[in-house]
C-alpha atoms as a PDB file:
ATOM      1  CA  MET A   1      60.459 -40.703-157.027  1.00  0.00           C
ATOM      2  CA  ASP A   2      57.559 -39.548-159.191  1.00  0.00           C
ATOM      3  CA  LYS A   3      54.430 -41.730-159.079  1.00  0.00           C
ATOM      4  CA  THR A   4      52.744 -40.002-162.031  1.00  0.00           C
ATOM      5  CA  PRO A   5      51.933 -42.473-164.810  1.00  0.00           C
ATOM      6  CA  GLY A   6      54.027 -42.077-167.951  1.00  0.00           C
ATOM      7  CA  THR A   7      52.697 -41.275-171.408  1.00  0.00           C
ATOM      8  CA  ARG A   8      52.835 -44.912-172.554  1.00  0.00           C
ATOM      9  CA  GLN A   9      51.056 -46.030-169.381  1.00  0.00           C
ATOM     10  CA  LEU A  10      48.263 -43.511-169.971  1.00  0.00           C
ATOM     11  CA  LYS A  11      47.918 -44.444-173.656  1.00  0.00           C
ATOM     12  CA  VAL A  12      47.760 -48.163-172.861  1.00  0.00           C
ATOM     13  CA  ALA A  13      45.246 -47.535-170.049  1.00  0.00           C
ATOM     14  CA  ARG A  14      42.989 -45.525-172.409  1.00  0.00           C
ATOM     15  CA  GLU A  15      43.195 -48.220-175.088  1.00  0.00           C
ATOM     16  CA  LEU A  16      42.403 -50.960-172.546  1.00  0.00           C
ATOM     17  CA  GLN A  17      39.460 -48.926-171.246  1.00  0.00           C
ATOM     18  CA  ARG A  18      38.073 -48.575-174.770  1.00  0.00           C
ATOM     19  CA  ASP A  19      38.588 -52.276-175.577  1.00  0.00           C
ATOM     20  CA  LEU A  20      37.177 -53.543-172.272  1.00  0.00           C
ATOM     21  CA  ALA A  21      34.134 -51.281-172.607  1.00  0.00           C
ATOM     22  CA  GLU A  22      33.531 -52.738-176.071  1.00  0.00           C
ATOM     23  CA  ILE A  23      33.943 -56.331-174.814  1.00  0.00           C
ATOM     24  CA  ILE A  24      31.514 -55.773-171.923  1.00  0.00           C
ATOM     25  CA  ARG A  25      29.027 -53.913-174.147  1.00  0.00           C
ATOM     26  CA  SER A  26      29.133 -56.745-176.705  1.00  0.00           C
ATOM     27  CA  LYS A  27      28.037 -59.228-174.027  1.00  0.00           C
ATOM     28  CA  GLY A  28      24.883 -57.185-173.479  1.00  0.00           C
ATOM     29  CA  MET A  29      22.974 -56.280-170.347  1.00  0.00           C
ATOM     30  CA  ALA A  30      21.414 -59.755-170.188  1.00  0.00           C
ATOM     31  CA  ALA A  31      24.851 -61.250-169.414  1.00  0.00           C
ATOM     32  CA  PHE A  32      24.958 -59.084-166.290  1.00  0.00           C
ATOM     33  CA  GLY A  33      21.459 -59.696-164.997  1.00  0.00           C
ATOM     34  CA  GLY A  34      20.000 -56.659-166.733  1.00  0.00           C
ATOM     35  CA  ALA A  35      22.489 -54.253-165.185  1.00  0.00           C
ATOM     36  CA  MET A  36      24.300 -51.579-167.172  1.00  0.00           C
ATOM     37  CA  VAL A  37      28.075 -51.918-166.739  1.00  0.00           C
ATOM     38  CA  THR A  38      30.395 -49.049-167.641  1.00  0.00           C
ATOM     39  CA  VAL A  39      34.194 -49.118-167.578  1.00  0.00           C
ATOM     40  CA  SER A  40      34.864 -45.776-165.917  1.00  0.00           C
ATOM     41  CA  GLU A  41      38.648 -45.966-165.584  1.00  0.00           C
ATOM     42  CA  VAL A  42      41.638 -48.235-166.116  1.00  0.00           C
ATOM     43  CA  ARG A  43      44.888 -47.817-164.207  1.00  0.00           C
ATOM     44  CA  ILE A  44      47.843 -49.889-165.343  1.00  0.00           C
ATOM     45  CA  SER A  45      51.006 -50.757-163.455  1.00  0.00           C
ATOM     46  CA  PRO A  46      54.275 -49.195-164.697  1.00  0.00           C
ATOM     47  CA  ASP A  47      55.394 -52.548-166.159  1.00  0.00           C
ATOM     48  CA  LEU A  48      51.997 -52.883-167.937  1.00  0.00           C
ATOM     49  CA  SER A  49      51.369 -56.275-166.303  1.00  0.00           C
ATOM     50  CA  ILE A  50      48.374 -55.450-164.090  1.00  0.00           C
ATOM     51  CA  ALA A  51      45.300 -53.432-165.042  1.00  0.00           C
ATOM     52  CA  LYS A  52      42.943 -52.148-162.368  1.00  0.00           C
ATOM     53  CA  VAL A  53      39.589 -51.849-164.089  1.00  0.00           C
ATOM     54  CA  PHE A  54      37.027 -49.618-162.394  1.00  0.00           C
ATOM     55  CA  VAL A  55      33.421 -50.297-163.339  1.00  0.00           C
ATOM     56  CA  SER A  56      30.233 -48.494-162.442  1.00  0.00           C
ATOM     57  CA  ILE A  57      27.067 -50.547-162.282  1.00  0.00           C
ATOM     58  CA  PHE A  58      23.495 -49.354-162.607  1.00  0.00           C
ATOM     59  CA  PRO A  59      21.227 -50.076-160.815  1.00  0.00           C
ATOM     60  CA  SER A  60      23.458 -50.139-157.743  1.00  0.00           C
ATOM     61  CA  GLY A  61      21.377 -52.946-156.208  1.00  0.00           C
ATOM     62  CA  LYS A  62      22.985 -55.371-158.666  1.00  0.00           C
ATOM     63  CA  GLN A  63      26.586 -54.420-157.873  1.00  0.00           C
ATOM     64  CA  SER A  64      27.598 -57.530-155.936  1.00  0.00           C
ATOM     65  CA  GLN A  65      25.963 -59.850-158.490  1.00  0.00           C
ATOM     66  CA  VAL A  66      27.697 -58.109-161.427  1.00  0.00           C
ATOM     67  CA  MET A  67      31.078 -57.951-159.669  1.00  0.00           C
ATOM     68  CA  GLN A  68      30.830 -61.707-159.070  1.00  0.00           C
ATOM     69  CA  LEU A  69      29.982 -62.298-162.760  1.00  0.00           C
ATOM     70  CA  LEU A  70      32.936 -60.148-163.858  1.00  0.00           C
ATOM     71  CA  GLU A  71      35.236 -62.041-161.503  1.00  0.00           C
ATOM     72  CA  GLU A  72      33.984 -65.425-162.794  1.00  0.00           C
ATOM     73  CA  ASN A  73      34.452 -64.328-166.423  1.00  0.00           C
ATOM     74  CA  LYS A  74      37.800 -62.607-165.887  1.00  0.00           C
ATOM     75  CA  LYS A  75      39.752 -65.232-167.868  1.00  0.00           C
ATOM     76  CA  ALA A  76      37.418 -65.078-170.863  1.00  0.00           C
ATOM     77  CA  ILE A  77      37.414 -61.266-170.832  1.00  0.00           C
ATOM     78  CA  ARG A  78      41.228 -61.232-170.636  1.00  0.00           C
ATOM     79  CA  GLY A  79      41.329 -63.679-173.562  1.00  0.00           C
ATOM     80  CA  GLU A  80      39.146 -61.405-175.700  1.00  0.00           C
ATOM     81  CA  LEU A  81      41.250 -58.429-174.657  1.00  0.00           C
ATOM     82  CA  GLY A  82      44.364 -60.356-175.702  1.00  0.00           C
ATOM     83  CA  ARG A  83      42.991 -60.823-179.192  1.00  0.00           C
ATOM     84  CA  LYS A  84      42.267 -57.091-179.445  1.00  0.00           C
ATOM     85  CA  VAL A  85      45.640 -55.829-178.170  1.00  0.00           C
ATOM     86  CA  ALA A  86      47.891 -58.600-179.522  1.00  0.00           C
ATOM     87  CA  SER A  87      49.491 -56.289-182.059  1.00  0.00           C
ATOM     88  CA  GLN A  88      50.202 -53.505-179.538  1.00  0.00           C
ATOM     89  CA  LEU A  89      51.226 -55.312-176.341  1.00  0.00           C
ATOM     90  CA  ARG A  90      53.673 -58.113-175.770  1.00  0.00           C
ATOM     91  CA  ILE A  91      51.844 -59.378-172.689  1.00  0.00           C
ATOM     92  CA  VAL A  92      48.166 -59.062-171.892  1.00  0.00           C
ATOM     93  CA  PRO A  93      47.856 -57.534-168.425  1.00  0.00           C
ATOM     94  CA  GLU A  94      46.174 -59.361-165.554  1.00  0.00           C
ATOM     95  CA  ILE A  95      42.784 -57.777-164.933  1.00  0.00           C
ATOM     96  CA  ASP A  96      41.454 -56.831-161.498  1.00  0.00           C
ATOM     97  CA  PHE A  97      37.929 -55.439-161.314  1.00  0.00           C
ATOM     98  CA  TYR A  98      37.036 -52.734-158.812  1.00  0.00           C
ATOM     99  CA  LEU A  99      33.737 -51.067-158.150  1.00  0.00           C
ATOM    100  CA  ASP A 100      33.703 -47.370-158.997  1.00  0.00           C
ATOM    101  CA  SER A 101      31.438 -45.909-156.361  1.00  0.00           C
ATOM    102  CA  SER A 102      31.632 -42.323-157.629  1.00  0.00           C
ATOM    103  CA  LEU A 103      28.101 -42.600-159.087  1.00  0.00           C
ATOM    104  CA  ASP A 104      26.742 -43.680-155.699  1.00  0.00           C
ATOM    105  CA  TYR A 105      28.666 -40.877-154.054  1.00  0.00           C
ATOM    106  CA  ALA A 106      27.276 -38.306-156.512  1.00  0.00           C
ATOM    107  CA  GLU A 107      23.766 -39.671-155.968  1.00  0.00           C
ATOM    108  CA  HIS A 108      24.216 -39.432-152.205  1.00  0.00           C
ATOM    109  CA  ILE A 109      25.441 -35.804-152.449  1.00  0.00           C
ATOM    110  CA  ASP A 110      22.489 -35.025-154.724  1.00  0.00           C
ATOM    111  CA  GLU A 111      20.089 -36.473-152.129  1.00  0.00           C
ATOM    112  CA  LEU A 112      21.691 -34.436-149.362  1.00  0.00           C
ATOM    113  CA  LEU A 113      21.421 -31.252-151.413  1.00  0.00           C
ATOM    114  CA  ARG A 114      17.716 -31.854-152.041  1.00  0.00           C
ATOM    115  CA  LYS A 115      16.914 -31.986-148.299  1.00  0.00           C
END
């Protein structure tokens, strides 16, 4: 069985990424303790009920604080998302936040290359 996401899945994931990025940006950096939060990727389950939201956080020292804030505000963020996607989706997917560590990884590789 093929595990590649379908066209609808990819379209919905892109739309959710755009909407979530806008919601987080509208809250401002102050809401996240001065950290910059970027929605780097959204993966959605085949039935469109669960969205894995990958965020990168700068500076990386504030990652745990920001992840906690995102987790605490998950319901409110999902509510705002629901208002944005109400016309396109029947159900608003559950949101799970994950830390995208690719920036840290790239930084680490960069450091190693400079040595």
